[in-house]
Protein backbone atom coordinates (compact mmCIF):
# COMPACT_ATOMS: atom_id res chain seq x y z
CA UNK A 1 161.09 158.86 80.00
CA UNK A 2 157.54 158.12 81.14
CA UNK A 3 156.06 159.69 78.07
CA UNK A 4 158.44 157.57 75.92
CA UNK A 5 157.36 154.40 77.81
CA UNK A 6 153.80 155.20 77.22
CA UNK A 7 154.06 155.65 73.73
CA UNK A 8 155.77 152.24 73.42
CA UNK A 9 153.06 150.59 75.38
CA UNK A 10 150.13 152.57 74.34
CA UNK A 11 148.45 149.32 72.67
CA UNK A 12 149.22 147.36 75.99
CA UNK A 13 146.91 147.45 78.98
CA UNK A 14 150.02 147.91 81.35
CA UNK A 15 150.79 150.01 84.34
CA UNK A 16 153.70 152.12 84.38
CA UNK A 17 155.63 153.67 87.35
CA UNK A 18 158.74 156.03 87.46
CA UNK A 19 160.85 155.83 90.66
CA UNK A 20 162.85 159.01 92.03
CA UNK A 21 165.91 157.58 90.52
CA UNK A 22 164.41 157.52 87.11
CA UNK A 23 163.81 153.88 87.04
CA UNK A 24 160.72 152.74 85.09
CA UNK A 25 158.58 149.86 86.19
CA UNK A 26 156.03 148.39 83.79
CA UNK A 27 153.65 145.85 84.96
CA UNK A 28 151.73 144.25 82.33
CA UNK A 29 148.06 143.36 82.60
CA UNK A 30 147.37 140.23 80.58
CA UNK A 31 144.31 139.92 78.57
CA UNK A 32 142.50 136.57 78.91
CA UNK A 33 143.86 133.97 76.62
CA UNK A 34 141.29 131.52 74.94
CA UNK A 35 141.04 128.28 76.68
CA UNK A 36 142.30 126.61 73.64
CA UNK A 37 145.56 128.28 73.98
CA UNK A 38 146.04 127.81 77.49
CA UNK A 39 145.11 123.93 77.00
CA UNK A 40 147.92 123.80 74.44
CA UNK A 41 150.22 125.65 76.95
CA UNK A 42 149.36 123.19 79.81
CA UNK A 43 149.63 120.06 77.48
CA UNK A 44 153.11 121.29 76.42
CA UNK A 45 154.19 121.14 80.05
CA UNK A 46 152.87 117.54 80.27
CA UNK A 47 155.20 116.47 77.21
CA UNK A 48 158.25 114.32 78.29
CA UNK A 49 161.70 115.97 78.02
CA UNK A 50 163.88 114.40 75.31
CA UNK A 51 166.31 111.58 76.62
CA UNK A 52 164.66 111.38 80.04
CA UNK A 53 164.51 107.62 80.96
CA UNK A 54 163.10 107.81 84.14
CA UNK A 55 159.52 108.27 83.96
CA UNK A 56 158.65 108.48 87.77
CA UNK A 57 161.05 111.38 88.01
CA UNK A 58 159.43 112.79 84.77
CA UNK A 59 155.93 112.41 86.17
CA UNK A 60 157.16 114.38 89.70
CA UNK A 61 158.48 117.22 87.53
CA UNK A 62 155.46 117.43 85.30
CA UNK A 63 152.93 117.41 88.39
CA UNK A 64 155.16 120.18 90.01
CA UNK A 65 154.86 122.23 86.67
CA UNK A 66 151.13 121.70 86.66
CA UNK A 67 150.82 122.71 90.43
CA UNK A 68 152.67 125.88 89.47
CA UNK A 69 150.22 126.49 86.59
CA UNK A 70 147.28 126.35 89.02
CA UNK A 71 148.80 129.46 90.79
CA UNK A 72 148.84 131.73 87.78
CA UNK A 73 145.23 132.80 87.87
CA UNK A 74 141.67 131.40 87.90
CA UNK A 75 141.68 130.70 84.23
CA UNK A 76 144.95 128.57 84.35
CA UNK A 77 143.72 126.99 87.63
CA UNK A 78 140.52 125.76 85.76
CA UNK A 79 142.43 124.12 83.02
CA UNK A 80 145.32 122.48 85.08
CA UNK A 81 143.29 121.24 88.13
CA UNK A 82 141.84 118.48 86.73
CA UNK A 83 144.86 117.19 85.12
CA UNK A 84 147.00 117.77 88.19
CA UNK A 85 144.76 115.15 89.82
CA UNK A 86 144.19 112.79 87.13
CA UNK A 87 147.31 111.04 87.20
CA UNK A 88 147.48 110.19 90.99
CA UNK A 89 143.86 109.42 91.21
CA UNK A 90 144.18 107.01 88.41
CA UNK A 91 147.38 105.36 89.83
CA UNK A 92 145.36 104.96 93.10
CA UNK A 93 142.33 103.16 91.44
CA UNK A 94 144.69 101.08 89.39
CA UNK A 95 146.54 100.09 92.61
CA UNK A 96 143.14 99.27 94.35
CA UNK A 97 142.01 97.10 91.53
CA UNK A 98 145.40 95.08 91.17
CA UNK A 99 144.99 91.44 90.43
CA UNK A 100 147.06 90.53 93.50
CA UNK A 101 145.48 87.96 95.91
CA UNK A 102 143.97 89.52 97.83
CA UNK A 103 143.61 92.75 95.98
CA UNK A 104 144.44 95.94 97.83
CA UNK A 105 140.95 96.97 97.66
CA UNK A 106 139.98 94.19 99.89
CA UNK A 107 141.21 96.34 102.95
CA UNK A 108 139.19 99.41 102.07
CA UNK A 109 136.20 99.86 104.46
CA UNK A 110 135.56 103.71 104.17
CA UNK A 111 135.17 106.04 101.57
CA UNK A 112 134.97 109.57 102.52
CA UNK A 113 134.82 112.38 99.82
CA UNK A 114 134.90 115.87 101.04
CA UNK A 115 134.68 118.24 98.18
CA UNK A 116 136.03 121.80 98.29
CA UNK A 117 137.15 123.01 95.05
CA UNK A 118 135.86 120.64 92.30
CA UNK A 119 133.22 121.83 89.80
CA UNK A 120 130.10 119.60 89.52
CA UNK A 121 131.35 117.95 86.23
CA UNK A 122 134.69 117.33 87.88
CA UNK A 123 133.26 115.83 91.08
CA UNK A 124 130.87 113.58 89.15
CA UNK A 125 133.43 112.32 86.76
CA UNK A 126 135.96 111.76 89.84
CA UNK A 127 132.93 109.76 91.79
CA UNK A 128 131.80 107.63 89.06
CA UNK A 129 135.58 106.46 88.38
CA UNK A 130 136.17 106.01 92.19
CA UNK A 131 132.88 103.84 92.63
CA UNK A 132 133.85 101.75 89.72
CA UNK A 133 137.54 101.21 90.89
CA UNK A 134 136.33 100.31 94.21
CA UNK A 135 133.58 97.82 93.26
CA UNK A 136 135.56 94.83 94.84
CA UNK A 137 136.11 96.65 98.10
CA UNK A 138 134.25 95.64 101.06
CA UNK A 139 133.01 99.23 101.80
CA UNK A 140 130.90 99.67 105.17
CA UNK A 141 130.97 103.41 105.15
CA UNK A 142 130.33 106.08 102.42
CA UNK A 143 130.34 109.70 103.12
CA UNK A 144 130.27 112.27 100.33
CA UNK A 145 130.07 115.83 101.13
CA UNK A 146 129.72 118.61 98.23
CA UNK A 147 130.05 122.39 98.84
CA UNK A 148 126.91 123.62 97.01
CA UNK A 149 124.40 121.36 95.34
CA UNK A 150 125.56 118.64 93.38
CA UNK A 151 123.48 116.26 90.99
CA UNK A 152 123.12 112.72 92.27
CA UNK A 153 123.01 110.43 89.16
CA UNK A 154 121.52 107.06 88.75
CA UNK A 155 124.93 105.54 87.76
CA UNK A 156 126.26 106.78 91.06
CA UNK A 157 123.62 105.18 93.07
CA UNK A 158 123.78 101.89 91.03
CA UNK A 159 127.24 101.68 91.81
CA UNK A 160 126.63 102.27 95.44
CA UNK A 161 124.44 99.36 95.36
CA UNK A 162 127.28 96.95 94.88
CA UNK A 163 128.35 97.36 98.21
CA UNK A 164 126.24 94.78 100.35
CA UNK A 165 128.20 95.41 103.61
CA UNK A 166 127.21 98.91 103.71
CA UNK A 167 126.30 100.05 107.26
CA UNK A 168 126.60 104.01 107.05
CA UNK A 169 125.77 106.09 104.25
CA UNK A 170 125.94 109.85 104.32
CA UNK A 171 125.30 112.09 101.49
CA UNK A 172 125.25 115.92 102.03
CA UNK A 173 123.76 118.35 99.31
CA UNK A 174 123.31 115.69 96.71
CA UNK A 175 120.20 116.22 94.68
CA UNK A 176 117.84 114.52 94.27
CA UNK A 177 118.70 112.17 97.37
CA UNK A 178 115.44 110.22 96.96
CA UNK A 179 117.14 108.18 94.21
CA UNK A 180 118.93 106.24 97.19
CA UNK A 181 115.58 104.99 98.35
CA UNK A 182 113.77 104.94 94.95
CA UNK A 183 116.58 102.53 93.19
CA UNK A 184 116.81 100.46 96.40
CA UNK A 185 113.18 99.86 96.47
CA UNK A 186 112.92 99.26 92.38
CA UNK A 187 115.74 96.58 92.66
CA UNK A 188 113.73 94.78 95.32
CA UNK A 189 110.79 94.94 93.31
CA UNK A 190 112.39 93.50 90.15
CA UNK A 191 113.83 90.50 92.15
CA UNK A 192 110.97 89.89 94.61
CA UNK A 193 112.62 86.25 95.12
CA UNK A 194 115.70 88.05 96.59
CA UNK A 195 116.40 86.88 100.20
CA UNK A 196 118.54 89.98 101.21
CA UNK A 197 117.26 93.44 99.96
CA UNK A 198 119.77 96.13 99.03
CA UNK A 199 121.87 97.17 101.96
CA UNK A 200 120.37 94.80 104.45
CA UNK A 201 123.00 95.81 107.09
CA UNK A 202 122.42 99.65 106.66
CA UNK A 203 122.22 101.12 110.15
CA UNK A 204 122.99 104.88 109.72
CA UNK A 205 121.45 106.84 106.70
CA UNK A 206 122.05 110.49 106.29
CA UNK A 207 120.40 112.44 103.41
CA UNK A 208 119.82 116.02 102.37
CA UNK A 209 117.82 117.39 99.33
CA UNK A 210 115.08 114.82 100.04
CA UNK A 211 112.16 116.78 98.27
CA UNK A 212 111.34 113.63 96.06
CA UNK A 213 110.89 111.24 99.09
CA UNK A 214 107.23 110.94 99.84
CA UNK A 215 105.48 108.38 102.32
CA UNK A 216 105.11 105.60 99.93
CA UNK A 217 108.79 105.76 99.00
CA UNK A 218 109.89 106.02 102.58
CA UNK A 219 107.71 103.27 104.13
CA UNK A 220 108.66 100.85 101.25
CA UNK A 221 112.33 101.55 102.01
CA UNK A 222 112.29 101.12 105.67
CA UNK A 223 110.25 97.78 105.40
CA UNK A 224 113.36 96.28 103.89
CA UNK A 225 115.70 97.87 106.15
CA UNK A 226 114.84 97.03 109.75
CA UNK A 227 118.45 97.51 111.22
CA UNK A 228 118.23 101.16 110.61
CA UNK A 229 119.43 102.98 114.12
CA UNK A 230 120.11 106.50 113.11
CA UNK A 231 118.24 108.61 110.34
CA UNK A 232 118.40 112.06 109.17
CA UNK A 233 116.25 113.57 106.16
CA UNK A 234 116.03 116.93 105.09
CA UNK A 235 113.20 118.30 103.14
CA UNK A 236 111.40 115.08 102.83
CA UNK A 237 107.55 115.08 102.16
CA UNK A 238 106.46 112.93 105.10
CA UNK A 239 103.49 112.75 107.28
CA UNK A 240 102.48 111.11 110.43
CA UNK A 241 102.10 108.02 108.35
CA UNK A 242 105.72 107.46 107.94
CA UNK A 243 106.04 107.87 111.64
CA UNK A 244 103.67 105.23 112.06
CA UNK A 245 105.37 102.80 109.70
CA UNK A 246 108.63 103.69 111.55
CA UNK A 247 107.19 102.38 114.90
CA UNK A 248 106.19 99.10 113.20
CA UNK A 249 109.21 98.31 110.97
CA UNK A 250 112.01 99.85 113.16
CA UNK A 251 110.40 99.30 116.67
CA UNK A 252 113.37 98.10 118.31
CA UNK A 253 116.39 99.25 116.49
CA UNK A 254 115.86 102.91 115.78
CA UNK A 255 117.64 105.11 118.19
CA UNK A 256 118.05 108.56 116.88
CA UNK A 257 116.20 110.53 114.38
CA UNK A 258 116.79 113.99 112.93
CA UNK A 259 114.21 115.65 110.69
CA UNK A 260 114.73 119.05 109.02
CA UNK A 261 112.02 121.04 107.03
CA UNK A 262 109.62 118.05 107.30
CA UNK A 263 106.37 119.95 107.43
CA UNK A 264 103.84 117.07 107.05
CA UNK A 265 104.39 115.85 110.56
CA UNK A 266 102.23 117.01 113.73
CA UNK A 267 102.98 117.04 117.55
CA UNK A 268 100.27 114.46 117.95
CA UNK A 269 101.91 112.08 115.27
CA UNK A 270 105.34 112.67 117.06
CA UNK A 271 103.97 111.80 120.51
CA UNK A 272 102.23 108.61 119.28
CA UNK A 273 105.44 107.68 117.54
CA UNK A 274 107.58 108.09 120.68
CA UNK A 275 105.13 106.15 122.70
CA UNK A 276 105.24 103.14 120.12
CA UNK A 277 108.89 103.17 119.07
CA UNK A 278 110.60 101.70 122.18
CA UNK A 279 114.38 102.03 120.76
CA UNK A 280 114.25 105.88 120.67
CA UNK A 281 116.69 107.81 122.78
CA UNK A 282 117.09 111.01 120.91
CA UNK A 283 114.66 112.95 118.70
CA UNK A 284 115.51 116.40 116.87
CA UNK A 285 113.10 118.35 114.69
CA UNK A 286 113.99 121.69 113.00
CA UNK A 287 111.93 123.97 110.94
CA UNK A 288 109.01 121.62 111.01
CA UNK A 289 106.18 124.06 110.90
CA UNK A 290 103.34 121.91 112.60
CA UNK A 291 105.34 120.88 115.63
CA UNK A 292 104.97 122.68 118.83
CA UNK A 293 107.07 121.36 121.75
CA UNK A 294 104.67 122.01 124.72
CA UNK A 295 102.04 119.91 122.69
CA UNK A 296 104.43 116.95 122.71
CA UNK A 297 105.74 117.42 126.30
CA UNK A 298 103.86 119.76 128.37
CA UNK A 299 106.43 120.14 131.02
CA UNK A 300 109.35 121.19 128.63
CA UNK A 301 110.51 124.48 128.42
CA UNK A 302 109.05 126.84 125.49
CA UNK A 303 110.98 126.77 122.15
CA UNK A 304 110.05 128.40 118.85
CA UNK A 305 107.56 126.72 116.98
CA UNK A 306 108.71 123.92 114.42
CA UNK A 307 111.92 123.01 116.98
CA UNK A 308 111.81 119.96 119.05
CA UNK A 309 114.70 118.32 120.97
CA UNK A 310 113.78 115.36 123.13
CA UNK A 311 116.60 113.55 124.82
CA UNK A 312 116.07 110.05 126.59
CA UNK A 313 114.68 111.28 130.03
CA UNK A 314 112.21 113.55 127.96
CA UNK A 315 111.13 110.38 126.01
CA UNK A 316 110.68 108.51 129.00
CA UNK A 317 108.37 111.18 130.48
CA UNK A 318 106.20 110.94 127.39
CA UNK A 319 106.01 107.04 127.66
CA UNK A 320 105.01 107.53 131.22
CA UNK A 321 102.45 109.93 130.61
CA UNK A 322 100.90 107.30 128.35
CA UNK A 323 101.12 104.65 131.14
CA UNK A 324 99.28 106.92 133.67
CA UNK A 325 96.71 108.28 131.13
CA UNK A 326 98.15 111.82 131.15
CA UNK A 327 98.85 112.19 127.56
CA UNK A 328 100.15 115.61 127.99
CA UNK A 329 102.94 114.65 130.44
């Protein structure tokens, strides 16, 4: 019987198993279908059933069928997943942009996009649509986190500039993050008569992938954003000149700073900055090659080169050392 089944299925990639009672189990291994065929299958799932008069019920059934399609295999998932979310996302965006007075979007203050499964193409399309739909929302906080590097587009940043009440901006693994500062600076230069720069109320800025941020870009940005209280930058090409500029432009407001892989800053520059930037209560440097903690605060415990964490009591010691003339504390 097994040999007979093998002859029948010799042209198929299938597994054949014969149980002790003589039962033959044939497990087919499907060849990968062309994406065009899968797309036709999935679009067939989306076609409304004849005679069905309840569109909401029909859409629910279609969504359930699409959800099932995503569980078949990776190929089905790649085709069905964007379609699965397109309808609810479009409904939500239409709802936020409703003409009611006030529109529903009027109550939205925070946008938090935490991507886990989207591809870059899907995510960029999603965000572009989201920010356009939210253009009338008085957003105060934007957080967008992507697993793996994603491209930050000029359109995306320009859409962000519409939110003039923004106080918190957090972009994780978006490249090049320097577009945030570059576009804000350019807008200010184009409209020099503007009373308020872009994001005048910005207090928290967290950017990764900042390779394209240099001293000139950074200094120009902080001069027009004097209310910054928390700042985190990764991989920025900054030197002590940026620290000196922060001590002037952000003298009283800046509270917490986290720099990662910022190699142009020295221990001496950090000490001078802390002495002059009176609002600081927390400073953290990681993988910053020039910094040796003992060169900033002699009495602190030894840490690996490039690492520096200073809390409020450490910062007060550095300032006290300046007052007493003992610069090494």
